[in-house]
Amino acid sequence: MQNLPTTGTEAAQAPPGYLTRYHATPGGRLVEQGPAALLADHATTFVLEHLMVRPGDRVAEPGCGTGVLSLYAALAGASSVVGTDIDPDALAAARRNATLNGITNVSFVHGSLLEPVGTGLDLVVALLPHKPAPRPVSHRYYGGRDGTDLLLAAIRQSADRLISGGRLVLYLNSIANPQRVDHEFARNFDVSLCAEKRRYFTPEEFDVLTPGMFAHLEAQKACGEADFRHDEQGLYFMARLHEGRRR
């Protein structure tokens, strides 16, 4: 799947400060509008390429942002979808996107991760901030000192809310203490790797978020709590999509 180009006429329909993107999916084209800082990125596209939703699934997406993955789940046949976020601007965009796409079997609620969501879920899909940093940065990126704060919480909350055989689809970069995440994931789930790719980056990409962030990442690697490497194209870490089946 790929982002489709924006046309001037359709983009003009967005409110001031919003941009428009289009996503091609097996369920049809999705329109996304929202502030530039909140729009779906390469990670969302990666999840879309591999996410399987079964007809009738009851789905939740913690940290839904502008709602693209939640809306796709609804298009793909979910019976109900709830997306959560702590950012009112993200929720406003997600609700607008549901209306733009004519999708009614989805709701977007304010709250941290799965705290506002009940039990009996068939599928949780989680693409959460998990960059390690020496101090808090933007909530769009920050995952704690080793990057795992939100990931571990989402795994534990999903274990409490998924039915037996329910699935947690989790996006994870190898800079966020993957051994710690894998250990927590395996406690209640049978885990498999769905897909992975190299994600190239520069030190400046991290240091622009907060000074010394790349040095912190190097320290995390030195103590075995992050993994990134180098090839002829530059520095990279592994972006991975895992599926865990609730035991």
C-alpha atoms as a PDB file:
ATOM      1  CA  MET A   1       0.000   0.000   0.000  1.00  0.00           C
ATOM      2  CA  GLN A   2       1.142   3.528  -0.633  1.00  0.00           C
ATOM      3  CA  ASN A   3       0.115   7.069   0.121  1.00  0.00           C
ATOM      4  CA  LEU A   4      -1.695   8.528  -2.850  1.00  0.00           C
ATOM      5  CA  PRO A   5      -1.007  12.076  -4.034  1.00  0.00           C
ATOM      6  CA  THR A   6      -3.104  14.974  -2.848  1.00  0.00           C
ATOM      7  CA  THR A   7      -4.953  17.070  -5.407  1.00  0.00           C
ATOM      8  CA  GLY A   8      -5.323  20.798  -4.921  1.00  0.00           C
ATOM      9  CA  THR A   9      -9.124  20.733  -5.026  1.00  0.00           C
ATOM     10  CA  GLU A  10      -9.481  18.018  -2.399  1.00  0.00           C
ATOM     11  CA  ALA A  11      -6.767  19.473  -0.189  1.00  0.00           C
ATOM     12  CA  ALA A  12      -8.622  22.820  -0.133  1.00  0.00           C
ATOM     13  CA  GLN A  13     -11.456  21.109   1.734  1.00  0.00           C
ATOM     14  CA  ALA A  14      -9.252  20.651   4.806  1.00  0.00           C
ATOM     15  CA  PRO A  15      -9.659  23.152   7.670  1.00  0.00           C
ATOM     16  CA  PRO A  16      -6.906  25.732   8.218  1.00  0.00           C
ATOM     17  CA  GLY A  17      -3.770  24.080   9.566  1.00  0.00           C
ATOM     18  CA  TYR A  18      -4.782  20.625   8.276  1.00  0.00           C
ATOM     19  CA  LEU A  19      -3.151  18.658   5.483  1.00  0.00           C
ATOM     20  CA  THR A  20      -4.744  15.883   3.437  1.00  0.00           C
ATOM     21  CA  ARG A  21      -3.356  12.459   2.566  1.00  0.00           C
ATOM     22  CA  TYR A  22      -4.850   9.390   0.940  1.00  0.00           C
ATOM     23  CA  HIS A  23      -4.086   5.761   1.725  1.00  0.00           C
ATOM     24  CA  ALA A  24      -4.817   2.892  -0.645  1.00  0.00           C
ATOM     25  CA  THR A  25      -6.042  -0.179   1.249  1.00  0.00           C
ATOM     26  CA  PRO A  26      -7.739  -3.458   0.230  1.00  0.00           C
ATOM     27  CA  GLY A  27     -10.927  -2.059   1.758  1.00  0.00           C
ATOM     28  CA  GLY A  28     -10.791   1.095  -0.341  1.00  0.00           C
ATOM     29  CA  ARG A  29      -9.161   4.495  -0.248  1.00  0.00           C
ATOM     30  CA  LEU A  30      -8.893   6.235   3.115  1.00  0.00           C
ATOM     31  CA  VAL A  31      -8.850  10.008   3.395  1.00  0.00           C
ATOM     32  CA  GLU A  32      -6.725  11.381   6.240  1.00  0.00           C
ATOM     33  CA  GLN A  33      -6.761  14.993   7.366  1.00  0.00           C
ATOM     34  CA  GLY A  34      -5.001  16.522  10.336  1.00  0.00           C
ATOM     35  CA  PRO A  35      -2.148  18.729  11.539  1.00  0.00           C
ATOM     36  CA  ALA A  36       1.126  17.900   9.790  1.00  0.00           C
ATOM     37  CA  ALA A  37       2.790  16.760  13.031  1.00  0.00           C
ATOM     38  CA  LEU A  38       0.067  14.154  13.633  1.00  0.00           C
ATOM     39  CA  LEU A  39      -0.324  12.628  10.173  1.00  0.00           C
ATOM     40  CA  ALA A  40       0.407   8.958   9.577  1.00  0.00           C
ATOM     41  CA  ASP A  41       3.994   8.151   8.594  1.00  0.00           C
ATOM     42  CA  HIS A  42       6.051   5.262   7.208  1.00  0.00           C
ATOM     43  CA  ALA A  43       5.332   3.149  10.297  1.00  0.00           C
ATOM     44  CA  THR A  44       1.576   3.430   9.768  1.00  0.00           C
ATOM     45  CA  THR A  45       1.990   2.382   6.142  1.00  0.00           C
ATOM     46  CA  PHE A  46       4.126  -0.579   7.243  1.00  0.00           C
ATOM     47  CA  VAL A  47       1.427  -1.751   9.649  1.00  0.00           C
ATOM     48  CA  LEU A  48      -1.294  -1.272   7.025  1.00  0.00           C
ATOM     49  CA  GLU A  49       0.620  -3.486   4.611  1.00  0.00           C
ATOM     50  CA  HIS A  50       0.539  -6.434   7.017  1.00  0.00           C
ATOM     51  CA  LEU A  51      -2.465  -5.962   9.309  1.00  0.00           C
ATOM     52  CA  MET A  52      -5.107  -8.674   9.035  1.00  0.00           C
ATOM     53  CA  VAL A  53      -8.584  -7.936  10.342  1.00  0.00           C
ATOM     54  CA  ARG A  54     -11.172 -10.704  10.450  1.00  0.00           C
ATOM     55  CA  PRO A  55     -14.855 -10.033   9.747  1.00  0.00           C
ATOM     56  CA  GLY A  56     -16.616  -9.367  13.030  1.00  0.00           C
ATOM     57  CA  ASP A  57     -13.481  -8.569  15.021  1.00  0.00           C
ATOM     58  CA  ARG A  58     -13.887  -6.293  18.034  1.00  0.00           C
ATOM     59  CA  VAL A  59     -10.883  -4.008  17.726  1.00  0.00           C
ATOM     60  CA  ALA A  60      -9.089  -1.406  19.824  1.00  0.00           C
ATOM     61  CA  GLU A  61      -6.207   0.872  18.925  1.00  0.00           C
ATOM     62  CA  PRO A  62      -4.393   2.603  21.801  1.00  0.00           C
ATOM     63  CA  GLY A  63      -2.685   5.824  20.769  1.00  0.00           C
ATOM     64  CA  CYS A  64      -4.758   6.124  17.595  1.00  0.00           C
ATOM     65  CA  GLY A  65      -3.522   9.524  16.397  1.00  0.00           C
ATOM     66  CA  THR A  66      -5.552  10.628  13.376  1.00  0.00           C
ATOM     67  CA  GLY A  67      -7.271   7.235  13.316  1.00  0.00           C
ATOM     68  CA  VAL A  68      -5.934   5.662  10.119  1.00  0.00           C
ATOM     69  CA  LEU A  69      -5.433   2.154  11.526  1.00  0.00           C
ATOM     70  CA  SER A  70      -8.762   2.217  13.359  1.00  0.00           C
ATOM     71  CA  LEU A  71     -10.551   3.341  10.210  1.00  0.00           C
ATOM     72  CA  TYR A  72      -8.845   0.654   8.176  1.00  0.00           C
ATOM     73  CA  ALA A  73      -9.951  -1.994  10.692  1.00  0.00           C
ATOM     74  CA  ALA A  74     -13.531  -0.773  10.306  1.00  0.00           C
ATOM     75  CA  LEU A  75     -13.265  -0.861   6.506  1.00  0.00           C
ATOM     76  CA  ALA A  76     -11.777  -4.367   6.662  1.00  0.00           C
ATOM     77  CA  GLY A  77     -14.816  -5.829   8.401  1.00  0.00           C
ATOM     78  CA  ALA A  78     -14.476  -5.233  12.129  1.00  0.00           C
ATOM     79  CA  SER A  79     -17.815  -5.188  13.938  1.00  0.00           C
ATOM     80  CA  SER A  80     -16.670  -2.416  16.275  1.00  0.00           C
ATOM     81  CA  VAL A  81     -13.543  -0.318  16.696  1.00  0.00           C
ATOM     82  CA  VAL A  82     -12.466   2.025  19.462  1.00  0.00           C
ATOM     83  CA  GLY A  83      -9.399   4.252  19.225  1.00  0.00           C
ATOM     84  CA  THR A  84      -7.948   6.084  22.215  1.00  0.00           C
ATOM     85  CA  ASP A  85      -5.547   8.989  22.565  1.00  0.00           C
ATOM     86  CA  ILE A  86      -4.498  11.556  25.152  1.00  0.00           C
ATOM     87  CA  ASP A  87      -4.169  14.325  22.543  1.00  0.00           C
ATOM     88  CA  PRO A  88      -7.410  16.275  21.945  1.00  0.00           C
ATOM     89  CA  ASP A  89      -6.114  17.483  18.563  1.00  0.00           C
ATOM     90  CA  ALA A  90      -5.518  13.904  17.432  1.00  0.00           C
ATOM     91  CA  LEU A  91      -8.985  12.843  18.562  1.00  0.00           C
ATOM     92  CA  ALA A  92     -10.597  15.782  16.758  1.00  0.00           C
ATOM     93  CA  ALA A  93      -8.801  14.787  13.558  1.00  0.00           C
ATOM     94  CA  ALA A  94      -9.706  11.104  13.988  1.00  0.00           C
ATOM     95  CA  ARG A  95     -13.397  11.916  14.440  1.00  0.00           C
ATOM     96  CA  ARG A  96     -13.310  14.182  11.400  1.00  0.00           C
ATOM     97  CA  ASN A  97     -11.653  11.402   9.389  1.00  0.00           C
ATOM     98  CA  ALA A  98     -14.370   8.932  10.388  1.00  0.00           C
ATOM     99  CA  THR A  99     -16.950  11.384   9.027  1.00  0.00           C
ATOM    100  CA  LEU A 100     -14.943  12.081   5.860  1.00  0.00           C
ATOM    101  CA  ASN A 101     -14.736   8.354   5.118  1.00  0.00           C
ATOM    102  CA  GLY A 102     -18.367   7.629   6.022  1.00  0.00           C
ATOM    103  CA  ILE A 103     -17.362   5.116   8.706  1.00  0.00           C
ATOM    104  CA  THR A 104     -19.794   4.754  11.600  1.00  0.00           C
ATOM    105  CA  ASN A 105     -18.714   1.602  13.471  1.00  0.00           C
ATOM    106  CA  VAL A 106     -15.737   3.349  15.097  1.00  0.00           C
ATOM    107  CA  SER A 107     -15.461   5.612  18.123  1.00  0.00           C
ATOM    108  CA  PHE A 108     -12.575   7.721  19.370  1.00  0.00           C
ATOM    109  CA  VAL A 109     -12.292   8.360  23.098  1.00  0.00           C
ATOM    110  CA  HIS A 110      -9.929  10.294  25.337  1.00  0.00           C
ATOM    111  CA  GLY A 111      -7.773   8.195  27.612  1.00  0.00           C
ATOM    112  CA  SER A 112      -4.415   6.564  28.171  1.00  0.00           C
ATOM    113  CA  LEU A 113      -3.854   3.433  26.087  1.00  0.00           C
ATOM    114  CA  LEU A 114      -6.567   0.834  26.819  1.00  0.00           C
ATOM    115  CA  GLU A 115      -7.726   2.284  30.134  1.00  0.00           C
ATOM    116  CA  PRO A 116     -11.084   3.449  28.649  1.00  0.00           C
ATOM    117  CA  VAL A 117     -11.668   0.132  26.830  1.00  0.00           C
ATOM    118  CA  GLY A 118     -13.559  -2.878  28.137  1.00  0.00           C
ATOM    119  CA  THR A 119     -12.830  -6.583  27.828  1.00  0.00           C
ATOM    120  CA  GLY A 120     -13.866  -9.062  25.143  1.00  0.00           C
ATOM    121  CA  LEU A 121     -11.585  -7.765  22.370  1.00  0.00           C
ATOM    122  CA  ASP A 122     -10.514  -9.879  19.405  1.00  0.00           C
ATOM    123  CA  LEU A 123      -7.748  -7.591  18.150  1.00  0.00           C
ATOM    124  CA  VAL A 124      -5.561  -4.811  19.508  1.00  0.00           C
ATOM    125  CA  VAL A 125      -3.269  -2.975  17.104  1.00  0.00           C
ATOM    126  CA  ALA A 126      -0.633  -0.766  18.712  1.00  0.00           C
ATOM    127  CA  LEU A 127       1.747   1.665  17.039  1.00  0.00           C
ATOM    128  CA  LEU A 128       2.993   3.692  19.988  1.00  0.00           C
ATOM    129  CA  PRO A 129       5.738   6.237  20.711  1.00  0.00           C
ATOM    130  CA  HIS A 130       8.847   4.357  21.829  1.00  0.00           C
ATOM    131  CA  LYS A 131      11.953   6.396  21.193  1.00  0.00           C
ATOM    132  CA  PRO A 132      14.418   6.211  24.121  1.00  0.00           C
ATOM    133  CA  ALA A 133      15.464   9.599  25.496  1.00  0.00           C
ATOM    134  CA  PRO A 134      17.346  10.943  28.515  1.00  0.00           C
ATOM    135  CA  ARG A 135      14.431  13.238  29.386  1.00  0.00           C
ATOM    136  CA  PRO A 136      10.801  13.613  28.268  1.00  0.00           C
ATOM    137  CA  VAL A 137      10.324  14.956  24.746  1.00  0.00           C
ATOM    138  CA  SER A 138       7.200  15.294  22.606  1.00  0.00           C
ATOM    139  CA  HIS A 139       4.582  12.684  23.529  1.00  0.00           C
ATOM    140  CA  ARG A 140       4.456  11.813  19.816  1.00  0.00           C
ATOM    141  CA  TYR A 141       7.904  10.178  20.183  1.00  0.00           C
ATOM    142  CA  TYR A 142       8.864   9.596  23.815  1.00  0.00           C
ATOM    143  CA  GLY A 143       8.773   6.105  25.287  1.00  0.00           C
ATOM    144  CA  GLY A 144      10.808   6.559  28.458  1.00  0.00           C
ATOM    145  CA  ARG A 145      14.529   6.131  29.093  1.00  0.00           C
ATOM    146  CA  ASP A 146      14.675   2.788  27.286  1.00  0.00           C
ATOM    147  CA  GLY A 147      11.643   3.404  25.068  1.00  0.00           C
ATOM    148  CA  THR A 148       9.458   0.678  26.556  1.00  0.00           C
ATOM    149  CA  ASP A 149       7.090   2.509  28.922  1.00  0.00           C
ATOM    150  CA  LEU A 150       4.052   2.552  26.642  1.00  0.00           C
ATOM    151  CA  LEU A 151       4.857  -0.762  24.933  1.00  0.00           C
ATOM    152  CA  LEU A 152       4.935  -2.710  28.194  1.00  0.00           C
ATOM    153  CA  ALA A 153       1.771  -1.053  29.461  1.00  0.00           C
ATOM    154  CA  ALA A 154      -0.066  -1.832  26.210  1.00  0.00           C
ATOM    155  CA  ILE A 155       1.015  -5.482  26.345  1.00  0.00           C
ATOM    156  CA  ARG A 156      -0.217  -5.883  29.924  1.00  0.00           C
ATOM    157  CA  GLN A 157      -3.496  -4.086  29.264  1.00  0.00           C
ATOM    158  CA  SER A 158      -4.087  -6.137  26.111  1.00  0.00           C
ATOM    159  CA  ALA A 159      -3.566  -9.367  28.030  1.00  0.00           C
ATOM    160  CA  ASP A 160      -6.367  -8.286  30.375  1.00  0.00           C
ATOM    161  CA  ARG A 161      -8.800  -7.318  27.606  1.00  0.00           C
ATOM    162  CA  LEU A 162      -8.324  -9.799  24.781  1.00  0.00           C
ATOM    163  CA  ILE A 163     -10.278 -13.027  24.622  1.00  0.00           C
ATOM    164  CA  SER A 164      -8.370 -16.315  24.540  1.00  0.00           C
ATOM    165  CA  GLY A 165      -7.004 -16.554  21.017  1.00  0.00           C
ATOM    166  CA  GLY A 166      -7.304 -12.780  20.560  1.00  0.00           C
ATOM    167  CA  ARG A 167      -4.422 -11.002  18.877  1.00  0.00           C
ATOM    168  CA  LEU A 168      -2.145  -8.106  19.742  1.00  0.00           C
ATOM    169  CA  VAL A 169      -0.376  -6.655  16.697  1.00  0.00           C
ATOM    170  CA  LEU A 170       2.553  -4.586  17.976  1.00  0.00           C
ATOM    171  CA  TYR A 171       4.967  -2.354  16.061  1.00  0.00           C
ATOM    172  CA  LEU A 172       8.438  -2.295  17.622  1.00  0.00           C
ATOM    173  CA  ASN A 173      11.734  -0.657  16.681  1.00  0.00           C
ATOM    174  CA  SER A 174      14.903  -2.412  17.827  1.00  0.00           C
ATOM    175  CA  ILE A 175      16.142   0.723  19.622  1.00  0.00           C
ATOM    176  CA  ALA A 176      13.500   0.219  22.348  1.00  0.00           C
ATOM    177  CA  ASN A 177      15.009  -2.559  24.480  1.00  0.00           C
ATOM    178  CA  PRO A 178      13.566  -5.406  22.364  1.00  0.00           C
ATOM    179  CA  GLN A 179      14.647  -8.134  24.805  1.00  0.00           C
ATOM    180  CA  ARG A 180      12.612  -6.529  27.579  1.00  0.00           C
ATOM    181  CA  VAL A 181       9.580  -6.167  25.312  1.00  0.00           C
ATOM    182  CA  ASP A 182       9.904  -9.729  24.014  1.00  0.00           C
ATOM    183  CA  HIS A 183      10.055 -11.085  27.579  1.00  0.00           C
ATOM    184  CA  GLU A 184       6.895  -9.238  28.612  1.00  0.00           C
ATOM    185  CA  PHE A 185       5.097 -10.182  25.393  1.00  0.00           C
ATOM    186  CA  ALA A 186       5.861 -13.888  25.829  1.00  0.00           C
ATOM    187  CA  ARG A 187       4.374 -14.021  29.344  1.00  0.00           C
ATOM    188  CA  ASN A 188       0.778 -14.214  28.059  1.00  0.00           C
ATOM    189  CA  PHE A 189       1.084 -14.467  24.276  1.00  0.00           C
ATOM    190  CA  ASP A 190       2.382 -16.848  21.649  1.00  0.00           C
ATOM    191  CA  VAL A 191       4.374 -14.405  19.552  1.00  0.00           C
ATOM    192  CA  SER A 192       5.377 -14.489  15.899  1.00  0.00           C
ATOM    193  CA  LEU A 193       7.173 -12.019  13.658  1.00  0.00           C
ATOM    194  CA  CYS A 194       4.952 -10.751  10.846  1.00  0.00           C
ATOM    195  CA  ALA A 195       7.390  -8.507   9.009  1.00  0.00           C
ATOM    196  CA  GLU A 196      10.536  -6.450   9.451  1.00  0.00           C
ATOM    197  CA  LYS A 197      12.516  -3.839   7.538  1.00  0.00           C
ATOM    198  CA  ARG A 198      15.568  -1.646   7.960  1.00  0.00           C
ATOM    199  CA  ARG A 199      14.787   1.884   9.106  1.00  0.00           C
ATOM    200  CA  TYR A 200      17.636   4.247   8.251  1.00  0.00           C
ATOM    201  CA  PHE A 201      18.270   7.297  10.408  1.00  0.00           C
ATOM    202  CA  THR A 202      20.815  10.004  11.244  1.00  0.00           C
ATOM    203  CA  PRO A 203      22.045  11.173  14.653  1.00  0.00           C
ATOM    204  CA  GLU A 204      20.575  14.608  13.870  1.00  0.00           C
ATOM    205  CA  GLU A 205      17.129  13.060  13.554  1.00  0.00           C
ATOM    206  CA  PHE A 206      17.306  12.222  17.257  1.00  0.00           C
ATOM    207  CA  ASP A 207      19.214  15.240  18.536  1.00  0.00           C
ATOM    208  CA  VAL A 208      16.698  17.657  17.030  1.00  0.00           C
ATOM    209  CA  LEU A 209      14.152  16.238  19.503  1.00  0.00           C
ATOM    210  CA  THR A 210      16.383  16.942  22.495  1.00  0.00           C
ATOM    211  CA  PRO A 211      20.151  17.577  22.788  1.00  0.00           C
ATOM    212  CA  GLY A 212      22.163  14.459  23.552  1.00  0.00           C
ATOM    213  CA  MET A 213      19.459  12.022  22.475  1.00  0.00           C
ATOM    214  CA  PHE A 214      21.711  10.110  20.075  1.00  0.00           C
ATOM    215  CA  ALA A 215      24.448   9.859  22.742  1.00  0.00           C
ATOM    216  CA  HIS A 216      21.783   8.407  25.043  1.00  0.00           C
ATOM    217  CA  LEU A 217      20.873   5.900  22.338  1.00  0.00           C
ATOM    218  CA  GLU A 218      24.534   4.910  21.994  1.00  0.00           C
ATOM    219  CA  ALA A 219      24.680   4.347  25.754  1.00  0.00           C
ATOM    220  CA  GLN A 220      21.554   2.206  25.573  1.00  0.00           C
ATOM    221  CA  LYS A 221      23.192   0.108  22.875  1.00  0.00           C
ATOM    222  CA  ALA A 222      26.391  -0.275  24.925  1.00  0.00           C
ATOM    223  CA  CYS A 223      24.432  -1.788  27.814  1.00  0.00           C
ATOM    224  CA  GLY A 224      22.391  -4.080  25.549  1.00  0.00           C
ATOM    225  CA  GLU A 225      19.124  -2.153  25.762  1.00  0.00           C
ATOM    226  CA  ALA A 226      19.038  -0.942  22.143  1.00  0.00           C
ATOM    227  CA  ASP A 227      20.143  -2.382  18.832  1.00  0.00           C
ATOM    228  CA  PHE A 228      21.128  -0.402  15.757  1.00  0.00           C
ATOM    229  CA  ARG A 229      23.744  -1.023  13.094  1.00  0.00           C
ATOM    230  CA  HIS A 230      25.538   0.451  10.114  1.00  0.00           C
ATOM    231  CA  ASP A 231      25.872  -0.547   6.470  1.00  0.00           C
ATOM    232  CA  GLU A 232      26.890   1.194   3.254  1.00  0.00           C
ATOM    233  CA  GLN A 233      23.714   3.302   3.352  1.00  0.00           C
ATOM    234  CA  GLY A 234      24.217   4.491   6.912  1.00  0.00           C
ATOM    235  CA  LEU A 235      22.841   3.847  10.390  1.00  0.00           C
ATOM    236  CA  TYR A 236      19.723   1.727  10.729  1.00  0.00           C
ATOM    237  CA  PHE A 237      17.583  -0.052  13.261  1.00  0.00           C
ATOM    238  CA  MET A 238      15.046  -2.790  12.604  1.00  0.00           C
ATOM    239  CA  ALA A 239      11.358  -1.963  12.415  1.00  0.00           C
ATOM    240  CA  ARG A 240       9.353  -5.066  13.287  1.00  0.00           C
ATOM    241  CA  LEU A 241       5.708  -6.021  13.391  1.00  0.00           C
ATOM    242  CA  HIS A 242       4.843  -8.776  15.877  1.00  0.00           C
ATOM    243  CA  GLU A 243       1.606 -10.644  16.369  1.00  0.00           C
ATOM    244  CA  GLY A 244       0.858 -12.172  19.748  1.00  0.00           C
ATOM    245  CA  ARG A 245      -1.984 -14.633  20.247  1.00  0.00           C
ATOM    246  CA  ARG A 246      -3.470 -14.541  23.765  1.00  0.00           C
ATOM    247  CA  ARG A 247      -3.130 -17.883  25.515  1.00  0.00           C
END
